[in-house]
Amino acid sequence: MMDRQILLAQFEQFLDVLQADPPSPDYLGQEPVAIAPFDPYQMVAEWIALRHEVKQQGKILLASQTTLQQAVESLQAEKEQLQQQLATRQPSDAAQPEQKNLWRDLLTVLDAMDQAAAHWQSQLDELAIAQPPQAIAQPFWKQWFQPAAQPANTTDTWREVLVSNQQGIELIRRSLLEVLKQRQVTPMDTLGKPFNPAIMYAIGRQESASGPENTVIQEVVRGYWWGDRVLREAQVIVAAKQG
């Protein structure tokens, strides 16, 4: 009986809550005095203005992206240019007395290889124009003491030796030139050029009809650059006027 009365009392309280007006939430504050009438034209105008503002902001964003991309490309170009300048940077004066002496010592080795290559080439040229020796008739009694096997062609064997030596020297020479080139040591080009006392040393003059006067006609010792500076001046022979 008591349980039923308690349930009826709770049901009546629930009905009172449902019938009572709900309190206003705190975030609304005071109730408005009057409500403005709904104007669809004003809403459309505000929507058009908002759309126009979004388009303007999009244009500004696109211009900013273009400017940023141009700035990045400019920085990339400056970076590549700086890397090229660093790659081709000339050796400083303070640095490099030891390196300069080292490159000069290597040039003496390179000179020796040049002379060896020229020697083997001259031997090959002489062998190419030389006539094979004529066979000489030997006495009958000497033929019994000759060895049974004779080399088929001594000239071809000697030519193979010369070619092998020349190729070996040329391979080492090219490797040394490549190492020096990586250190900015490069040979001068003087043959056929006018004599330049700043980078050349004339060790003689010779009459020549192949070129004008004061033109380099022979390179005795090759000159070399170190960057844009003279590592070793060239020793040359200069053409003189005939007669």
Protein backbone atom coordinates (compact mmCIF):
# COMPACT_ATOMS: atom_id res chain seq x y z
CA MET A 1 0.00 0.00 0.00
CA MET A 2 2.78 2.35 0.92
CA ASP A 3 4.62 1.59 -2.33
CA ARG A 4 1.58 2.53 -4.35
CA GLN A 5 1.22 5.88 -2.58
CA ILE A 6 4.90 6.66 -3.13
CA LEU A 7 4.58 5.86 -6.83
CA LEU A 8 1.50 8.09 -7.16
CA ALA A 9 3.28 10.97 -5.45
CA GLN A 10 6.34 10.63 -7.76
CA PHE A 11 4.04 10.45 -10.82
CA GLU A 12 2.29 13.66 -9.76
CA GLN A 13 5.68 15.42 -9.37
CA PHE A 14 6.63 14.22 -12.86
CA LEU A 15 3.42 15.69 -14.28
CA ASP A 16 4.08 18.99 -12.55
CA VAL A 17 7.54 19.14 -14.12
CA LEU A 18 6.12 18.45 -17.57
CA GLN A 19 3.46 21.11 -17.24
CA ALA A 20 5.79 23.78 -15.81
CA ASP A 21 7.53 26.25 -18.23
CA PRO A 22 11.23 25.43 -18.68
CA PRO A 23 13.67 28.06 -17.44
CA SER A 24 15.67 30.03 -20.04
CA PRO A 25 19.26 28.88 -20.55
CA ASP A 26 22.03 31.05 -19.16
CA TYR A 27 23.63 31.81 -22.54
CA LEU A 28 20.55 33.58 -23.84
CA GLY A 29 20.72 36.31 -21.23
CA GLN A 30 17.73 38.59 -21.15
CA GLU A 31 14.77 37.93 -23.33
CA PRO A 32 14.62 40.09 -26.47
CA VAL A 33 12.19 42.96 -26.38
CA ALA A 34 11.24 42.51 -30.03
CA ILE A 35 12.13 40.10 -32.81
CA ALA A 36 13.18 41.63 -36.17
CA PRO A 37 11.12 40.37 -39.07
CA PHE A 38 12.82 37.93 -41.48
CA ASP A 39 14.09 39.66 -44.67
CA PRO A 40 15.09 37.19 -47.44
CA TYR A 41 16.55 39.97 -49.64
CA GLN A 42 18.98 40.96 -46.88
CA MET A 43 20.05 37.33 -46.46
CA VAL A 44 20.75 37.02 -50.20
CA ALA A 45 22.74 40.28 -50.16
CA GLU A 46 24.81 39.09 -47.23
CA TRP A 47 25.43 35.75 -48.96
CA ILE A 48 26.56 37.52 -52.16
CA ALA A 49 28.88 39.77 -50.14
CA LEU A 50 30.33 36.74 -48.34
CA ARG A 51 30.89 34.96 -51.67
CA HIS A 52 32.64 38.03 -53.08
CA GLU A 53 34.87 38.19 -50.00
CA VAL A 54 35.79 34.51 -50.39
CA LYS A 55 36.74 35.12 -54.06
CA GLN A 56 38.90 38.08 -53.09
CA GLN A 57 40.66 36.03 -50.42
CA GLY A 58 41.21 33.25 -52.97
CA LYS A 59 42.83 35.69 -55.41
CA ILE A 60 45.07 37.05 -52.66
CA LEU A 61 46.05 33.48 -51.69
CA LEU A 62 46.83 32.59 -55.33
CA ALA A 63 48.98 35.72 -55.74
CA SER A 64 50.82 34.88 -52.51
CA GLN A 65 51.50 31.35 -53.73
CA THR A 66 52.83 32.67 -57.05
CA THR A 67 55.09 35.14 -55.28
CA LEU A 68 56.32 32.42 -52.93
CA GLN A 69 57.04 30.06 -55.84
CA GLN A 70 59.00 32.76 -57.66
CA ALA A 71 61.00 33.45 -54.50
CA VAL A 72 61.78 29.72 -54.12
CA GLU A 73 62.90 29.48 -57.76
CA SER A 74 65.07 32.57 -57.34
CA LEU A 75 66.67 31.09 -54.23
CA GLN A 76 67.26 27.81 -56.05
CA ALA A 77 68.95 29.64 -58.94
CA GLU A 78 71.13 31.60 -56.52
CA LYS A 79 72.04 28.35 -54.76
CA GLU A 80 73.08 26.69 -58.03
CA GLN A 81 75.08 29.76 -59.03
CA LEU A 82 76.81 29.78 -55.65
CA GLN A 83 77.63 26.09 -55.99
CA GLN A 84 79.14 26.72 -59.41
CA GLN A 85 81.19 29.58 -58.04
CA LEU A 86 82.41 27.41 -55.19
CA ALA A 87 83.22 24.60 -57.63
CA THR A 88 85.26 26.94 -59.84
CA ARG A 89 86.66 29.02 -56.99
CA GLN A 90 90.22 30.01 -57.63
CA PRO A 91 92.90 28.98 -55.14
CA SER A 92 93.75 31.67 -52.65
CA ASP A 93 97.22 33.17 -52.47
CA ALA A 94 97.71 32.36 -48.80
CA ALA A 95 96.91 28.76 -49.08
CA GLN A 96 98.74 27.15 -51.29
CA PRO A 97 102.48 27.22 -51.43
CA GLU A 98 102.66 23.52 -50.55
CA GLN A 99 100.05 22.57 -53.12
CA LYS A 100 101.72 24.72 -55.75
CA ASN A 101 105.04 22.92 -55.15
CA LEU A 102 103.24 19.56 -55.28
CA TRP A 103 101.58 20.37 -58.62
CA ARG A 104 104.92 21.49 -60.03
CA ASP A 105 106.55 18.25 -58.92
CA LEU A 106 103.78 16.30 -60.61
CA LEU A 107 104.34 18.34 -63.77
CA THR A 108 107.92 17.09 -63.93
CA VAL A 109 106.58 13.53 -63.84
CA LEU A 110 104.11 14.44 -66.56
CA ASP A 111 106.91 15.94 -68.66
CA ALA A 112 108.82 12.66 -68.40
CA MET A 113 105.75 10.75 -69.57
CA ASP A 114 105.32 13.15 -72.48
CA GLN A 115 108.91 12.55 -73.51
CA ALA A 116 108.48 8.77 -73.20
CA ALA A 117 105.30 8.84 -75.29
CA ALA A 118 107.04 10.95 -77.94
CA HIS A 119 110.01 8.55 -77.93
CA TRP A 120 107.84 5.46 -78.49
CA GLN A 121 105.93 7.28 -81.22
CA SER A 122 109.15 8.22 -83.00
CA GLN A 123 110.31 4.60 -82.79
CA LEU A 124 107.05 3.45 -84.34
CA ASP A 125 107.37 6.04 -87.11
CA GLU A 126 110.92 4.95 -87.89
CA LEU A 127 109.86 1.31 -87.87
CA ALA A 128 107.02 2.06 -90.27
CA ILE A 129 109.29 3.64 -92.87
CA ALA A 130 112.27 1.33 -92.36
CA GLN A 131 112.93 -1.38 -94.93
CA PRO A 132 113.46 -4.94 -93.70
CA PRO A 133 117.15 -6.04 -94.00
CA GLN A 134 118.09 -8.19 -96.98
CA ALA A 135 119.01 -11.78 -96.34
CA ILE A 136 122.75 -12.45 -96.76
CA ALA A 137 123.91 -15.73 -98.19
CA GLN A 138 125.91 -17.66 -95.62
CA PRO A 139 128.60 -20.27 -96.23
CA PHE A 140 127.55 -23.86 -96.46
CA TRP A 141 129.29 -24.89 -93.25
CA LYS A 142 127.46 -22.19 -91.17
CA GLN A 143 124.05 -23.50 -92.15
CA TRP A 144 124.72 -26.69 -90.15
CA PHE A 145 125.17 -24.67 -86.93
CA GLN A 146 122.11 -22.42 -87.26
CA PRO A 147 119.22 -23.08 -84.81
CA ALA A 148 116.33 -25.01 -86.22
CA ALA A 149 113.65 -22.41 -85.35
CA GLN A 150 113.95 -18.75 -86.29
CA PRO A 151 111.47 -15.97 -85.38
CA ALA A 152 108.95 -15.53 -88.18
CA ASN A 153 108.97 -11.73 -88.24
CA THR A 154 111.16 -9.75 -85.85
CA THR A 155 109.76 -6.43 -87.09
CA ASP A 156 106.20 -7.32 -86.05
CA THR A 157 107.35 -8.47 -82.63
CA TRP A 158 109.25 -5.23 -82.05
CA ARG A 159 106.26 -3.20 -83.22
CA GLU A 160 104.01 -4.98 -80.69
CA VAL A 161 106.47 -4.17 -77.90
CA LEU A 162 106.58 -0.50 -78.91
CA VAL A 163 102.78 -0.25 -79.11
CA SER A 164 102.35 -1.93 -75.73
CA ASN A 165 104.83 0.45 -74.07
CA GLN A 166 103.24 3.49 -75.71
CA GLN A 167 99.74 2.48 -74.60
CA GLY A 168 100.89 1.90 -71.02
CA ILE A 169 102.58 5.29 -70.80
CA GLU A 170 99.59 7.02 -72.42
CA LEU A 171 97.17 5.43 -69.92
CA ILE A 172 99.18 6.64 -66.93
CA ARG A 173 99.61 10.06 -68.54
CA ARG A 174 95.88 10.51 -69.10
CA SER A 175 95.11 9.45 -65.54
CA LEU A 176 97.57 12.01 -64.17
CA LEU A 177 96.12 14.72 -66.43
CA GLU A 178 92.62 13.94 -65.12
CA VAL A 179 93.78 14.18 -61.50
CA LEU A 180 95.42 17.54 -62.21
CA LYS A 181 92.32 18.76 -64.04
CA GLN A 182 90.20 18.02 -60.98
CA ARG A 183 92.59 20.31 -59.04
CA GLN A 184 92.16 23.03 -61.72
CA VAL A 185 95.58 22.38 -63.24
CA THR A 186 95.21 22.52 -67.02
CA PRO A 187 97.74 22.79 -69.90
CA MET A 188 98.19 25.99 -71.88
CA ASP A 189 97.46 26.20 -75.58
CA THR A 190 100.41 28.10 -77.07
CA LEU A 191 101.20 26.59 -80.47
CA GLY A 192 100.32 29.00 -83.26
CA LYS A 193 99.45 31.74 -80.77
CA PRO A 194 101.16 35.14 -80.55
CA PHE A 195 103.99 35.29 -78.06
CA ASN A 196 102.78 36.47 -74.64
CA PRO A 197 105.61 37.27 -72.20
CA ALA A 198 103.19 37.12 -69.26
CA ILE A 199 102.73 33.36 -69.63
CA MET A 200 105.58 32.35 -71.97
CA TYR A 201 109.36 32.34 -71.93
CA ALA A 202 111.11 32.47 -75.30
CA ILE A 203 114.20 30.27 -75.32
CA GLY A 204 114.95 30.94 -78.97
CA ARG A 205 113.87 32.40 -82.29
CA GLN A 206 113.74 30.55 -85.56
CA GLU A 207 112.98 31.57 -89.10
CA SER A 208 109.75 30.03 -90.27
CA ALA A 209 107.49 30.38 -93.27
CA SER A 210 104.56 28.63 -91.57
CA GLY A 211 103.51 31.53 -89.39
CA PRO A 212 103.87 35.27 -88.89
CA GLU A 213 106.63 36.81 -86.84
CA ASN A 214 106.45 36.48 -83.02
CA THR A 215 104.24 33.41 -83.29
CA VAL A 216 104.95 30.28 -81.24
CA ILE A 217 106.12 27.58 -83.62
CA GLN A 218 107.45 25.05 -81.10
CA GLU A 219 106.64 24.23 -77.48
CA VAL A 220 109.75 22.98 -75.70
CA VAL A 221 108.25 22.85 -72.19
CA ARG A 222 104.47 22.97 -71.83
CA GLY A 223 102.97 25.63 -69.59
CA TYR A 224 100.13 25.03 -67.14
CA TRP A 225 97.38 27.06 -65.50
CA TRP A 226 96.24 26.73 -61.91
CA GLY A 227 92.77 28.17 -62.04
CA ASP A 228 93.28 31.46 -63.82
CA ARG A 229 96.87 31.83 -62.62
CA VAL A 230 100.12 30.71 -64.16
CA LEU A 231 101.44 27.61 -62.43
CA ARG A 232 104.33 27.21 -64.85
CA GLU A 233 105.11 29.38 -67.85
CA ALA A 234 105.61 27.76 -71.21
CA GLN A 235 109.08 27.63 -72.78
CA VAL A 236 108.68 28.17 -76.50
CA ILE A 237 110.47 28.96 -79.73
CA VAL A 238 109.17 31.99 -81.57
CA ALA A 239 109.04 32.56 -85.30
CA ALA A 240 111.41 35.20 -86.65
CA LYS A 241 111.30 37.15 -89.90
CA GLN A 242 113.05 35.36 -92.72
CA GLY A 243 116.29 36.86 -93.99
